[in-house]
């Protein structure tokens, strides 16, 4: 097992990562959906083989925390039996596809994602593990601000377009040829040296002519969810026992949709009150990003989430508290960013984690006092 565990990359179920509280095992629900029975079984697996904590990521995946080395092989078998993990480790590594959570069976987003899932074996072997696909083909884009290297989006003219991340425009795409175009762009990325850059947005090679265009994505929309209930998860975390209670309240055949905004969508109405569920759209915790921090993460040098809870009501804009400069909770700039460094906090405004600080090496009391939260 020791040769499987790694540090410093995005883990998956076949390659767990050691954190401060045990192994981190990532689960990628297909097209961002968990049916009721899968959720019940996943909750039981998180309690049986981990510490019962589940995190939702910015790619709408789920991470089981605190998994033991001895429990990991059994957990992996359970996840494969639930069809939450591919039996082929290479295919699982490539299965980084983000779709809008409001997709409907057979619509463009669902159709293209399923086409790409069926053709994962055609992706280049040298494609970096953090590279991902965004298929945002609804009537209006929902995922414009979400990271993804190769993208299918709805243009402002109403047509589907292919766009490489980091480029402001894209090109028209042949109907039913969307997966083919994504695969071709991934091959071009590797062949043109993109693996050295790591991500499409950092790869400055000129795009091939067939992938170049002047189309712009349609204006972004606000998430409309009228099918059931939505709950915010503080810092993207849910206790497995709470997930099981939510799943048990759903009718058979129903399920959950995961999102990159740390909001859990239920496909049927469920009325549940719990401290682990946010029901007010104006709750300040919905404007906060905070990684697990110390002691859950060995890379972090500071505590993050308790501090973030105290600061949230005092923030007008987005707050990001990062245990280190890696910025795992969010790569986007925030109105207020606190970055852990050598056991203290660096404060920056309108910045990403690790940016040059406005004030450096603050202790917790100084941070709270700065924002009138002491």
Foldseek 3Di string as FASTA:
>chain_A
DVVQEDDDDDAELRRWYQFLQGTKHKWDAQQQWDFLVRLLLVLVLLVVFAVQKWFQALLLIIIRHGGHPVSSVVSSVSCVVSVRAPPDPQLRLQLREHEQLVDDPPDQRNVLSVVLSVVSVLADSLQDSVAHEYEQDDQAGACPPRDHAWYWAQFQVGAIFIDGPLDQAWGGDDVVCRSVVSRVQNVVCVVVPVVVLPGRNSDDDDDPPVTDDHTGHHDHDDDDDDQEAKWAFQLRMDGSVVSNVVSVQDDHPWTWGGHSQRMIGTRHYDDDDDPRTHRDPPPLSSLEHEDCAPPRGPVFLEGTRVLCVLCSVLDPWHEYEYRAQPQRRDQAFTQWYWHGDNNFTFIPGRGGRPPHGPDDRHHSVRVCVVSVRD
